[in-house]
Protein backbone atom coordinates (compact mmCIF):
# COMPACT_ATOMS: atom_id res chain seq x y z
CA MET A 1 29.35 -27.73 -16.27
CA TYR A 2 28.05 -30.42 -13.99
CA GLN A 3 24.30 -30.87 -14.63
CA GLN A 4 25.03 -33.46 -17.40
CA TYR A 5 27.03 -35.42 -15.04
CA PHE A 6 24.28 -36.19 -12.43
CA GLY A 7 21.77 -36.04 -15.74
CA LEU A 8 19.68 -32.89 -14.57
CA THR A 9 19.15 -30.27 -17.92
CA GLU A 10 20.89 -27.45 -16.33
CA ALA A 11 22.89 -25.98 -12.96
CA PRO A 12 19.87 -26.75 -10.08
CA PHE A 13 21.82 -24.13 -7.95
CA SER A 14 22.36 -20.82 -10.19
CA ILE A 15 22.04 -17.46 -8.06
CA ALA A 16 19.93 -15.91 -10.39
CA VAL A 17 16.52 -15.13 -8.91
CA ASN A 18 14.55 -17.09 -11.65
CA PRO A 19 10.85 -17.86 -10.81
CA ARG A 20 10.81 -21.45 -12.35
CA TYR A 21 12.80 -22.28 -9.42
CA LEU A 22 10.40 -20.60 -6.51
CA PHE A 23 10.40 -21.97 -3.13
CA MET A 24 7.92 -20.74 -0.63
CA SER A 25 8.48 -21.66 2.93
CA ALA A 26 6.00 -21.62 5.56
CA ARG A 27 7.85 -17.69 6.21
CA HIS A 28 7.57 -17.28 2.38
CA ARG A 29 3.94 -17.62 2.43
CA ASP A 30 4.15 -15.36 5.42
CA ALA A 31 5.62 -12.50 4.13
CA LEU A 32 3.92 -12.25 0.43
CA ALA A 33 0.05 -12.39 2.56
CA HIS A 34 1.75 -9.83 4.47
CA LEU A 35 2.84 -7.74 1.58
CA LEU A 36 -0.26 -8.32 0.01
CA TYR A 37 -2.63 -7.15 3.01
CA GLY A 38 -0.61 -3.56 3.16
CA VAL A 39 -0.85 -3.29 0.16
CA GLY A 40 -4.71 -4.04 -0.47
CA SER A 41 -4.89 -1.83 2.64
CA GLY A 42 -5.28 1.16 1.30
CA GLY A 43 -1.77 3.48 1.23
CA GLY A 44 0.70 3.97 3.73
CA PHE A 45 4.23 2.03 4.00
CA ILE A 46 4.73 -1.65 4.39
CA LEU A 47 8.41 -3.03 5.32
CA LEU A 48 10.09 -6.03 4.17
CA THR A 49 13.73 -6.86 5.74
CA GLY A 50 15.65 -10.01 5.77
CA GLU A 51 19.71 -11.27 5.87
CA VAL A 52 21.54 -10.64 2.51
CA GLY A 53 19.96 -13.92 1.03
CA THR A 54 17.11 -14.63 2.11
CA GLY A 55 14.75 -14.60 -0.35
CA LYS A 56 13.18 -11.28 -0.26
CA THR A 57 14.22 -9.77 -4.07
CA THR A 58 12.44 -13.46 -5.68
CA LEU A 59 9.22 -12.38 -2.95
CA ASN A 60 9.44 -9.14 -4.44
CA ARG A 61 8.98 -10.98 -8.01
CA CYS A 62 6.54 -12.92 -6.45
CA LEU A 63 4.28 -9.51 -5.04
CA LEU A 64 4.69 -8.07 -8.27
CA GLU A 65 3.24 -11.69 -10.07
CA GLN A 66 0.04 -11.28 -7.91
CA LEU A 67 -0.58 -7.86 -8.04
CA PRO A 68 -4.20 -6.62 -9.80
CA PRO A 69 -3.72 -6.03 -13.63
CA ASN A 70 -4.87 -2.05 -12.66
CA THR A 71 -2.08 -1.10 -10.41
CA ASP A 72 0.79 0.44 -11.97
CA ILE A 73 3.95 0.28 -9.43
CA ALA A 74 7.47 1.77 -10.09
CA ILE A 75 10.81 0.43 -8.91
CA VAL A 76 14.04 1.95 -7.63
CA LEU A 77 16.41 -0.61 -7.44
CA ASN A 78 19.71 1.81 -6.64
CA PRO A 79 18.50 4.24 -3.26
CA ALA A 80 21.52 6.03 -3.02
CA LEU A 81 20.09 9.50 -4.62
CA SER A 82 19.02 12.34 -3.43
CA ALA A 83 15.76 13.50 -2.60
CA ILE A 84 15.21 14.95 -5.82
CA GLU A 85 16.63 12.55 -8.13
CA LEU A 86 14.63 10.36 -6.13
CA LEU A 87 11.70 11.90 -7.55
CA ALA A 88 13.46 12.11 -11.29
CA THR A 89 13.49 8.08 -10.95
CA VAL A 90 9.52 7.57 -9.47
CA CYS A 91 8.85 9.22 -12.18
CA ASP A 92 10.83 8.25 -14.83
CA GLU A 93 9.67 4.66 -13.79
CA PHE A 94 5.24 5.45 -13.62
CA GLU A 95 5.84 8.22 -17.63
CA ILE A 96 5.53 11.38 -15.78
CA ASP A 97 6.46 14.23 -18.37
CA TYR A 98 7.74 16.88 -16.63
CA PRO A 99 10.26 20.10 -17.97
CA ASN A 100 13.74 19.43 -18.57
CA GLY A 101 16.22 20.67 -16.36
CA THR A 102 14.30 21.15 -13.55
CA ASP A 103 15.35 20.43 -9.40
CA SER A 104 11.94 21.84 -8.57
CA LEU A 105 10.58 19.47 -5.43
CA LYS A 106 7.53 20.88 -6.32
CA ILE A 107 7.64 20.33 -9.32
CA PHE A 108 7.67 16.75 -9.23
CA THR A 109 5.85 16.47 -6.13
CA ASP A 110 2.94 18.08 -8.29
CA ALA A 111 4.18 16.65 -11.17
CA LEU A 112 2.68 12.91 -9.19
CA HIS A 113 -0.08 14.37 -7.79
CA GLN A 114 -1.89 14.89 -10.84
CA PHE A 115 -0.55 11.43 -12.00
CA LEU A 116 -1.93 9.83 -9.07
CA LEU A 117 -5.77 11.48 -8.50
CA ARG A 118 -5.11 10.39 -12.63
CA ASN A 119 -4.74 7.12 -11.33
CA HIS A 120 -7.53 6.98 -8.20
CA GLN A 121 -10.06 8.35 -10.97
CA SER A 122 -9.31 5.90 -13.08
CA ASP A 123 -9.88 2.49 -10.09
CA ARG A 124 -6.34 2.74 -11.09
CA ARG A 125 -3.85 1.56 -7.58
CA THR A 126 0.16 2.86 -7.89
CA VAL A 127 3.10 0.92 -6.16
CA LEU A 128 6.30 2.69 -4.99
CA MET A 129 9.25 -0.50 -4.18
CA ILE A 130 12.05 0.67 -2.97
CA ASP A 131 14.96 -1.98 -3.20
CA GLU A 132 17.98 -1.74 -0.89
CA ALA A 133 15.99 1.09 1.48
CA GLN A 134 18.50 0.41 4.18
CA HIS A 135 20.88 3.40 1.60
CA LEU A 136 18.14 5.70 1.94
CA GLY A 137 18.98 9.17 3.85
CA PHE A 138 17.11 10.85 6.93
CA GLU A 139 16.31 13.44 3.59
CA VAL A 140 15.31 11.01 0.95
CA LEU A 141 13.71 9.22 3.88
CA GLU A 142 11.58 12.39 5.46
CA GLN A 143 10.61 13.39 1.50
CA ILE A 144 9.69 9.75 1.26
CA ARG A 145 6.98 10.23 3.56
CA LEU A 146 5.17 13.31 2.71
CA LEU A 147 4.59 11.51 -0.63
CA THR A 148 2.09 9.85 1.41
CA ASN A 149 0.19 12.81 2.12
CA LEU A 150 -1.14 13.25 -1.18
CA GLU A 151 -4.31 11.37 -0.10
CA THR A 152 -8.52 11.25 -1.10
CA ASP A 153 -10.44 11.74 1.73
CA GLU A 154 -11.30 8.14 1.94
CA LYS A 155 -7.22 6.74 1.12
CA LYS A 156 -4.12 7.40 0.97
CA LEU A 157 -3.24 8.00 -3.15
CA LEU A 158 0.20 6.21 -3.05
CA GLN A 159 1.38 2.83 -1.57
CA ILE A 160 5.33 2.33 -0.76
CA ILE A 161 7.24 -0.92 -0.54
CA LEU A 162 10.11 0.06 1.10
CA THR A 163 12.95 -4.01 1.07
CA GLY A 164 15.98 -3.51 3.13
CA GLN A 165 18.77 -5.38 5.64
CA PRO A 166 17.68 -5.67 8.61
CA GLU A 167 19.38 -2.45 10.32
CA LEU A 168 16.06 -0.72 7.99
CA ALA A 169 13.45 -1.82 10.39
CA SER A 170 16.48 0.39 13.47
CA MET A 171 16.84 2.73 11.52
CA LEU A 172 13.22 3.40 11.01
CA ALA A 173 12.56 3.28 14.76
CA ARG A 174 14.93 6.40 15.51
CA PRO A 175 12.64 9.35 16.88
CA GLU A 176 13.27 11.85 13.80
CA LEU A 177 11.39 8.94 11.78
CA ARG A 178 8.37 8.14 13.70
CA GLN A 179 6.49 9.88 11.94
CA LEU A 180 7.06 7.63 8.83
CA ASN A 181 7.74 4.63 11.11
CA GLN A 182 3.97 5.30 12.56
CA ARG A 183 2.54 4.59 9.01
CA ILE A 184 3.60 1.38 8.58
CA THR A 185 0.73 -0.23 7.91
CA ALA A 186 1.93 -4.25 7.14
CA ARG A 187 5.66 -5.07 8.16
CA PHE A 188 7.16 -8.22 8.12
CA ASP A 189 11.40 -9.94 8.74
CA LEU A 190 11.97 -12.99 6.82
CA THR A 191 13.98 -15.45 8.44
CA PRO A 192 16.59 -18.12 7.37
CA LEU A 193 15.21 -21.63 6.57
CA ASP A 194 15.16 -24.25 9.61
CA GLU A 195 16.97 -27.69 8.97
CA HIS A 196 13.78 -29.50 7.50
CA GLU A 197 13.19 -26.53 4.57
CA THR A 198 16.30 -26.20 3.76
CA ARG A 199 16.52 -30.20 3.25
CA THR A 200 13.20 -29.34 0.84
CA TYR A 201 14.73 -26.41 -1.02
CA VAL A 202 17.90 -28.29 -1.87
CA ARG A 203 15.89 -30.92 -2.96
CA HIS A 204 13.17 -28.86 -5.39
CA ARG A 205 15.96 -26.65 -6.37
CA LEU A 206 17.63 -29.93 -8.78
CA GLN A 207 13.72 -31.00 -8.90
CA VAL A 208 13.29 -28.20 -11.30
CA ALA A 209 16.25 -29.10 -12.77
CA GLY A 210 15.97 -32.85 -13.81
CA LEU A 211 17.07 -35.04 -11.15
CA SER A 212 14.98 -38.37 -11.41
CA GLY A 213 12.71 -39.54 -8.98
CA GLY A 214 15.05 -42.01 -6.12
CA GLN A 215 17.71 -40.13 -7.59
CA GLU A 216 20.05 -39.16 -5.13
CA ILE A 217 23.11 -36.58 -4.38
CA PHE A 218 23.50 -35.03 -1.42
CA ASN A 219 23.16 -37.71 1.47
CA GLY A 220 21.54 -36.10 4.80
CA ALA A 221 24.58 -36.16 6.87
CA ALA A 222 25.46 -33.83 3.88
CA LEU A 223 22.29 -31.15 4.07
CA ARG A 224 23.15 -31.42 7.63
CA GLN A 225 26.59 -30.90 7.12
CA ILE A 226 24.77 -27.48 4.37
CA TYR A 227 22.27 -26.69 7.16
CA ARG A 228 24.48 -25.71 9.90
CA LEU A 229 27.02 -23.64 7.47
CA SER A 230 24.72 -21.82 5.87
CA GLY A 231 22.75 -21.35 8.47
CA GLY A 232 19.45 -22.28 6.25
CA VAL A 233 20.19 -18.35 3.95
CA PRO A 234 18.98 -19.81 0.64
CA ARG A 235 21.84 -17.75 -1.14
CA VAL A 236 24.27 -19.27 0.59
CA ILE A 237 22.68 -22.69 0.73
CA ASN A 238 23.26 -22.53 -3.38
CA LEU A 239 26.55 -21.12 -3.03
CA LEU A 240 27.97 -24.45 -0.75
CA CYS A 241 25.78 -26.76 -3.07
CA ASP A 242 27.01 -25.53 -5.96
CA ARG A 243 30.42 -25.90 -5.63
CA ALA A 244 29.95 -29.04 -3.20
CA MET A 245 28.53 -30.38 -6.73
CA MET A 246 31.99 -29.31 -8.71
CA GLY A 247 34.26 -31.06 -6.68
CA ALA A 248 31.78 -34.36 -6.59
CA TYR A 249 32.12 -34.03 -10.32
CA GLY A 250 36.25 -33.27 -10.50
CA ARG A 251 36.01 -36.20 -8.04
CA ASP A 252 33.46 -38.54 -10.58
CA LEU A 253 31.61 -39.05 -7.48
CA ALA A 254 28.05 -39.70 -7.82
CA ILE A 255 27.24 -38.21 -4.04
CA VAL A 256 28.08 -35.20 -1.87
CA SER A 257 29.36 -36.03 1.01
CA PRO A 258 29.22 -33.86 4.69
CA ASN A 259 33.28 -33.85 4.45
CA LEU A 260 32.65 -32.12 0.35
CA VAL A 261 30.69 -29.44 1.80
CA VAL A 262 32.68 -28.30 4.62
CA GLU A 263 35.99 -28.69 1.19
CA ALA A 264 32.94 -25.96 -0.35
CA ALA A 265 32.99 -23.82 2.36
CA ARG A 266 36.06 -23.49 2.71
CA GLU A 267 36.91 -22.30 -0.37
CA THR A 268 33.31 -19.91 -0.49
CA PHE A 269 34.33 -18.38 2.84
CA GLY A 270 37.77 -18.77 2.77
CA ALA A 271 39.31 -21.56 5.27
CA GLN A 272 39.37 -18.70 8.45
CA ALA A 273 35.24 -17.93 7.82
CA ALA A 274 34.03 -21.60 8.08
CA SER A 275 36.60 -23.26 10.42
CA ALA A 276 35.18 -20.30 12.61
CA THR A 277 31.17 -22.08 11.66
CA LEU A 278 32.15 -25.59 12.28
CA SER A 279 33.93 -24.95 15.44
CA GLY A 280 29.79 -22.99 16.68
CA THR A 281 29.27 -20.29 16.56
CA PRO A 282 26.63 -19.30 18.58
CA GLY A 283 24.53 -18.96 15.08
CA PHE A 284 24.76 -22.13 13.92
CA SER A 285 24.65 -23.89 17.25
CA ARG A 286 20.75 -23.64 17.80
CA PRO A 287 19.22 -25.32 14.96
CA ILE A 288 21.58 -28.63 15.55
CA VAL A 289 19.97 -28.74 19.30
CA LEU A 290 16.64 -28.02 17.39
CA GLY A 291 17.93 -31.20 14.58
CA ALA A 292 18.35 -33.64 17.82
CA LEU A 293 15.32 -32.73 19.12
CA LEU A 294 13.47 -33.41 16.16
CA GLY A 295 14.51 -36.60 15.81
CA MET A 296 13.79 -37.83 19.63
CA LEU A 297 10.00 -36.08 18.20
CA MET A 298 10.63 -38.42 15.12
CA ILE A 299 10.97 -41.48 17.19
CA ALA A 300 8.55 -40.66 19.40
CA LEU A 301 5.90 -40.16 16.51
CA VAL A 302 6.56 -43.00 14.98
CA THR A 303 6.39 -45.29 18.18
CA ALA A 304 2.95 -43.35 18.25
CA THR A 305 2.33 -44.14 15.22
CA ALA A 306 2.97 -47.58 15.75
CA LEU A 307 0.62 -47.93 18.69
CA TRP A 308 -2.10 -46.74 17.42
CA VAL A 309 -1.83 -49.40 13.95
CA GLY A 310 -1.82 -51.70 16.51
CA ARG A 311 -4.69 -50.32 18.04
CA ASP A 312 -7.13 -49.78 15.33
CA GLU A 313 -6.26 -53.24 13.88
CA GLY A 314 -7.56 -54.47 17.87
CA HIS A 315 -10.63 -52.21 16.97
CA GLU A 316 -11.69 -53.86 13.49
CA GLN A 317 -11.29 -57.44 14.96
CA ASP A 318 -13.39 -56.27 17.70
CA GLY A 319 -16.14 -54.92 15.68
CA SER A 320 -16.08 -58.07 12.98
CA ALA A 321 -16.72 -59.84 16.71
CA ARG A 322 -19.04 -57.92 17.22
CA ALA A 323 -20.63 -57.32 13.80
CA SER A 324 -20.96 -61.21 14.03
CA ALA A 325 -22.85 -61.15 16.69
CA VAL A 326 -25.51 -58.63 15.86
CA ASP A 327 -26.14 -60.57 12.77
CA SER A 328 -26.40 -63.91 15.25
CA SER A 329 -28.74 -62.03 17.23
CA ASN A 330 -30.76 -60.57 14.65
CA SER A 331 -31.24 -64.36 13.22
CA GLN A 332 -31.87 -65.41 16.98
CA THR A 333 -33.73 -63.11 18.65
CA PHE A 334 -35.80 -60.62 16.48
CA THR A 335 -39.33 -60.82 15.94
CA GLU A 336 -41.07 -59.32 13.19
CA SER A 337 -43.35 -57.41 16.85
CA GLN A 338 -40.06 -56.41 18.04
CA LYS A 339 -38.92 -54.14 14.95
CA SER A 340 -40.17 -51.08 16.41
CA THR A 341 -38.14 -47.88 17.42
CA VAL A 342 -37.50 -48.24 21.28
CA THR A 343 -34.86 -46.39 23.93
CA ALA A 344 -33.44 -48.30 26.38
CA GLU A 345 -29.69 -49.40 25.55
CA GLY A 346 -29.63 -52.33 23.08
CA SER A 347 -33.43 -51.32 21.19
CA VAL A 348 -33.80 -52.32 17.94
CA ALA A 349 -35.32 -49.55 15.13
CA SER A 350 -37.86 -50.30 13.22
CA VAL A 351 -36.74 -51.41 9.96
CA ASP A 352 -38.81 -48.73 7.44
CA SER A 353 -36.96 -45.71 9.45
CA TRP A 354 -33.61 -46.30 8.07
CA ILE A 355 -35.24 -47.45 4.18
CA LEU A 356 -35.62 -44.49 3.06
CA ASP A 357 -37.17 -43.69 -1.00
CA ARG A 358 -34.73 -41.72 -3.55
CA GLU A 359 -37.01 -38.18 -2.37
CA GLN A 360 -36.33 -38.99 1.06
CA ALA A 361 -32.77 -39.79 0.83
CA ASP A 362 -32.44 -36.65 -0.18
CA LEU A 363 -34.44 -34.86 1.59
CA ALA A 364 -32.52 -36.70 4.72
CA LEU A 365 -29.38 -35.33 3.07
CA TRP A 366 -30.07 -31.96 2.32
CA SER A 367 -31.61 -31.22 6.35
CA LEU A 368 -27.65 -32.04 6.70
CA TRP A 369 -26.64 -29.13 4.63
CA SER A 370 -29.30 -26.60 4.94
CA GLY A 371 -31.28 -25.02 7.36
CA GLN A 372 -34.41 -24.27 3.60
CA PRO A 373 -36.23 -26.48 2.53
CA LEU A 374 -36.04 -28.48 -0.37
CA GLU A 375 -37.80 -27.74 -3.43
CA GLY A 376 -37.17 -29.66 -6.31
CA ARG A 377 -34.70 -32.07 -7.38
CA LEU A 378 -31.65 -31.17 -4.74
CA CYS A 379 -29.25 -30.88 -7.37
CA ASP A 380 -30.95 -28.44 -9.09
CA GLN A 381 -31.59 -26.52 -5.29
CA ALA A 382 -27.69 -27.02 -4.21
CA PRO A 383 -25.16 -24.49 -6.08
CA ASP A 384 -27.80 -21.63 -4.92
CA ALA A 385 -26.68 -23.08 -0.77
CA GLY A 386 -23.11 -23.24 -2.38
CA LEU A 387 -23.07 -26.95 -2.55
CA GLN A 388 -22.18 -29.58 -5.72
CA CYS A 389 -23.74 -32.70 -6.68
CA ALA A 390 -20.95 -36.07 -6.79
CA SER A 391 -21.45 -39.26 -6.69
CA SER A 392 -18.15 -42.66 -7.06
CA ASP A 393 -19.21 -45.63 -8.07
CA ALA A 394 -16.96 -47.16 -5.27
CA ASP A 395 -17.86 -50.16 -3.17
CA THR A 396 -15.09 -50.26 -0.81
CA TRP A 397 -15.76 -48.78 2.75
CA ASN A 398 -12.24 -47.08 3.01
CA ALA A 399 -13.18 -44.92 -0.90
CA VAL A 400 -16.93 -43.56 1.68
CA ILE A 401 -14.29 -43.14 4.48
CA THR A 402 -11.53 -41.21 2.71
CA ASN A 403 -14.48 -38.96 1.43
CA ASN A 404 -15.80 -38.06 4.52
CA ARG A 405 -18.61 -36.66 4.31
CA PRO A 406 -22.63 -38.06 4.67
CA VAL A 407 -23.59 -40.08 1.81
CA VAL A 408 -26.60 -41.39 0.33
CA LEU A 409 -25.69 -45.57 0.63
CA SER A 410 -28.11 -47.23 -2.96
CA ILE A 411 -28.72 -50.39 -1.11
CA ARG A 412 -31.17 -53.96 -1.70
CA GLN A 413 -33.93 -54.67 0.71
CA SER A 414 -34.08 -57.94 1.70
CA ASN A 415 -37.37 -58.72 -0.33
CA GLY A 416 -35.14 -57.74 -3.60
CA PHE A 417 -36.33 -54.13 -4.35
CA ALA A 418 -33.98 -51.50 -4.20
CA GLY A 419 -34.35 -48.91 -1.29
CA ASN A 420 -31.48 -46.56 0.18
CA ALA A 421 -29.55 -45.64 3.05
CA LEU A 422 -28.33 -42.39 4.81
CA LEU A 423 -25.08 -42.98 6.39
CA VAL A 424 -24.04 -40.05 8.66
CA SER A 425 -21.18 -41.37 10.78
CA VAL A 426 -18.43 -43.54 11.05
CA SER A 427 -17.07 -44.80 14.48
CA ASP A 428 -15.03 -48.10 15.26
CA SER A 429 -16.57 -50.03 12.68
CA VAL A 430 -20.19 -49.26 13.11
CA ALA A 431 -22.48 -46.96 11.38
CA LEU A 432 -24.79 -44.55 11.75
CA LEU A 433 -27.86 -44.14 9.48
CA ARG A 434 -30.39 -41.45 9.00
CA ALA A 435 -33.89 -43.03 10.97
CA GLY A 436 -36.76 -40.53 10.25
CA GLN A 437 -35.44 -37.84 12.90
CA SER A 438 -32.65 -39.81 14.86
CA VAL A 439 -29.99 -42.51 14.15
CA CYS A 440 -29.75 -45.75 14.45
CA ARG A 441 -26.75 -47.60 14.63
CA VAL A 442 -25.08 -51.32 12.25
CA PRO A 443 -22.04 -51.99 12.15
CA LEU A 444 -20.24 -51.94 8.50
CA ALA A 445 -19.88 -55.73 7.77
CA SER A 446 -23.97 -56.14 8.93
CA LEU A 447 -24.40 -53.24 6.08
CA ALA A 448 -22.45 -54.19 3.35
CA MET A 449 -24.38 -57.28 2.61
CA TYR A 450 -27.19 -54.59 2.17
CA TRP A 451 -24.81 -52.51 -0.12
CA ARG A 452 -24.72 -52.68 -4.18
CA GLY A 453 -21.88 -50.30 -4.28
CA GLY A 454 -21.75 -46.63 -5.10
CA PHE A 455 -22.52 -43.98 -3.44
CA GLY A 456 -24.02 -39.89 -3.66
CA TYR A 457 -22.48 -37.28 -1.14
CA LEU A 458 -22.84 -32.99 -1.47
CA TRP A 459 -20.25 -31.13 -0.72
CA LYS A 460 -19.76 -27.00 -0.07
CA SER A 461 -18.28 -25.60 -2.72
CA PRO A 462 -16.88 -22.09 -3.83
CA GLN A 463 -20.12 -19.54 -5.26
CA GLY A 464 -19.46 -19.34 -8.72
CA TRP A 465 -17.74 -22.47 -8.63
CA VAL A 466 -17.50 -24.18 -12.15
CA GLY A 467 -15.30 -27.43 -12.49
CA PRO A 468 -10.79 -26.98 -11.91
CA LEU A 469 -8.64 -24.12 -11.47
CA SER A 470 -5.16 -23.57 -12.96
CA GLU A 471 -2.55 -21.64 -12.93
CA GLY A 472 -3.48 -18.15 -15.12
CA ASP A 473 -7.41 -18.34 -13.99
CA GLN A 474 -8.96 -14.77 -12.72
CA GLY A 475 -12.76 -14.65 -11.50
CA SER A 476 -14.29 -14.31 -7.63
CA VAL A 477 -13.19 -18.65 -6.99
CA VAL A 478 -10.15 -17.26 -7.13
CA THR A 479 -10.33 -14.93 -4.81
CA GLN A 480 -12.60 -17.29 -3.00
CA ILE A 481 -9.72 -19.74 -2.50
CA VAL A 482 -7.11 -17.50 -1.83
CA ALA A 483 -9.38 -16.30 1.33
CA GLY A 484 -9.39 -19.98 2.97
CA PHE A 485 -5.40 -20.47 1.92
CA SER A 486 -5.17 -17.67 3.95
CA ARG A 487 -7.65 -18.60 7.01
CA LEU A 488 -5.78 -21.93 7.44
CA ASP A 489 -2.60 -19.74 7.27
CA GLY A 490 -3.83 -17.18 10.27
CA LEU A 491 -3.26 -14.17 7.49
CA PRO A 492 -5.59 -12.21 5.92
CA PRO A 493 -6.83 -12.30 2.65
CA PRO A 494 -4.90 -10.21 0.32
CA PRO A 495 -7.01 -9.22 -2.92
CA LEU A 496 -6.09 -11.44 -5.12
CA ASP A 497 -8.10 -12.39 -8.17
CA VAL A 498 -5.72 -14.46 -10.10
CA PHE A 499 -3.98 -17.95 -10.38
CA THR A 500 -0.64 -17.36 -9.39
CA PRO A 501 2.69 -19.47 -9.78
CA ALA A 502 2.56 -18.74 -5.97
CA LEU A 503 -0.64 -19.58 -5.24
CA THR A 504 -0.05 -23.30 -7.88
CA GLY A 505 3.21 -23.47 -5.38
CA ARG A 506 0.61 -23.35 -2.19
CA VAL A 507 -1.61 -25.84 -3.51
CA ARG A 508 1.44 -28.11 -4.33
CA GLN A 509 2.93 -27.94 -0.63
CA PHE A 510 -1.11 -27.82 0.78
CA GLN A 511 -1.55 -31.34 -1.54
CA GLN A 512 1.31 -32.85 -0.52
CA SER A 513 0.43 -32.51 3.39
CA VAL A 514 -3.15 -34.56 2.80
CA GLY A 515 -2.01 -37.14 1.03
CA LEU A 516 -3.98 -35.53 -2.84
CA GLU A 517 -1.97 -36.38 -6.87
CA VAL A 518 0.21 -32.90 -6.36
CA ASP A 519 -0.24 -30.82 -9.54
CA GLY A 520 -1.19 -27.56 -8.61
CA VAL A 521 -3.82 -27.42 -9.80
CA ILE A 522 -7.47 -27.09 -7.84
CA GLY A 523 -10.77 -29.55 -8.48
CA VAL A 524 -12.92 -31.58 -6.70
CA ARG A 525 -10.72 -33.09 -3.57
CA THR A 526 -8.10 -30.33 -3.36
CA LEU A 527 -11.59 -28.71 -2.26
CA GLN A 528 -13.23 -31.06 -0.30
CA ALA A 529 -9.89 -31.33 1.28
CA LEU A 530 -9.37 -27.18 2.36
CA ASN A 531 -12.86 -27.51 3.19
CA ASP A 532 -11.77 -30.06 6.11
CA ALA A 533 -9.23 -28.13 6.75
CA LEU A 534 -10.91 -24.94 7.06
CA GLY A 535 -13.85 -26.79 9.27
CA VAL A 536 -16.77 -25.57 7.35
CA SER A 537 -17.91 -29.36 6.09
CA ARG A 538 -20.04 -31.73 7.51
CA THR A 539 -18.13 -34.74 7.85
CA LEU A 540 -18.08 -38.69 9.60
CA ALA A 541 -17.41 -37.34 12.69
CA MET A 542 -20.16 -38.07 15.40
CA PRO A 543 -23.12 -36.09 14.83
CA SER A 544 -23.35 -35.13 18.27
CA GLU A 545 -26.55 -32.50 17.92
CA MET A 546 -28.44 -35.76 17.13
CA ILE A 547 -26.86 -38.26 18.88
CA SER A 548 -24.94 -37.76 23.45
CA SER A 549 -23.65 -40.91 23.31
CA ALA A 550 -23.25 -44.36 20.67
CA ASP A 551 -24.08 -46.33 23.28
CA GLU A 552 -27.50 -45.18 23.92
CA VAL A 553 -27.98 -45.30 19.64
CA PRO A 554 -30.26 -48.19 18.97
CA LEU A 555 -29.88 -51.13 16.18
CA CYS A 556 -30.94 -49.97 13.06
CA LEU A 557 -30.98 -54.24 12.04
């Protein structure tokens, strides 16, 4: 009703599970990685617990989308069953035939075992997912445990995912269920969102519902109140936001205020429950304290940033002064007889040593990335080493520094002939150039007089990379990229070779965090940024293997 009033295309805070509104917080990504790892670990139990409304069902939906195509899955949504009823339900889900009217555990178990063996021979995975598993009785849980006894010499034939509220973990910790508890290969407790994630979650859902850029519906104080009243539980956030927006619509208000949020809480949870929350129960007081500490941290960060910017500006001025001094020194002091490589501080490298022809430049660039000999053309051999040739026509140092990789610069020599220079590193407005087997230094301001614009470089790519990847693509390149993000998140890589919606969401979050265009597509810039984050690329940092101190590096010019 209110969505047209706020300029939205649909209601943004429905409690129905809608994959379009999937919001993957850091803990949701961790949970998904644990689930995928468990599925690929070769059988046994996976345990996912969390309070009501924290997103367990949404996470399971995401998991189902990311399972390999060769997976058969049975989902039990109503676990309040006897052992026989549960086995019958599992057989029905897998479309396994059994005699009508049978009530024999052996008949059901044998039929299921034969199905699992056939799947194993056909190289298919078999997964059983049981939701609301805290309602399972001890007898049923024991029967479920016995299902994991169906195995070959190499692995279990059935993977079982148990999803439930926190009391499920407590129940499995009881002595009589220790055998089942010991077979859990991956477990994760899904906790609520923190205050920052709550803000992001609300804005994310509004944007998916069509909120125009720059428009604000909940002010900062209202969002803080939502977090305080919801405790970061997504379902409760949805209920509060929906009711608060309805209140704003009824009062013809464009912005939801904190008072409207409090009123929405009273109408949604009842006056007594809302008052108890507002009075400062232990469960909600801690996030407020953390929020205050976060505010103090942000103030400190802003101050430090201002100081750092000032420092950089000072460096730039110092660099320009140094450039002028070097240019003056070059014109007044450096004679032809002095243009040779020496080792004392302030010495000058041989002019010929840093000006390279095309073959020398390619060989020097290749040597930075590979210990193998270069045979033939650089760009022909690069893919065999997991590298890609790339070039840019940019003519500013900003583009070179943003690229953050050693580059070959096209230069114009003082005699008018073309040449090349290999830029190895940039530090404090000073460039390091490759000169023979060592390096020499020159201020960027001086080198700019020789640079004709444009540069070429190498970057590390996944094996088999041929171009940008987006949702729906599949193959080994996707597997390598997923492994990279898993490493970045400190998690084991899942057995995934399909570009899923969840991966799109992770890519978007990463792109936003590194200042790239947020499109969810894995292109060259995104892969390069991922390599930088993982520390697997050559960068423009000081090459410590070549020099011990920048002050000991001879001048190039």
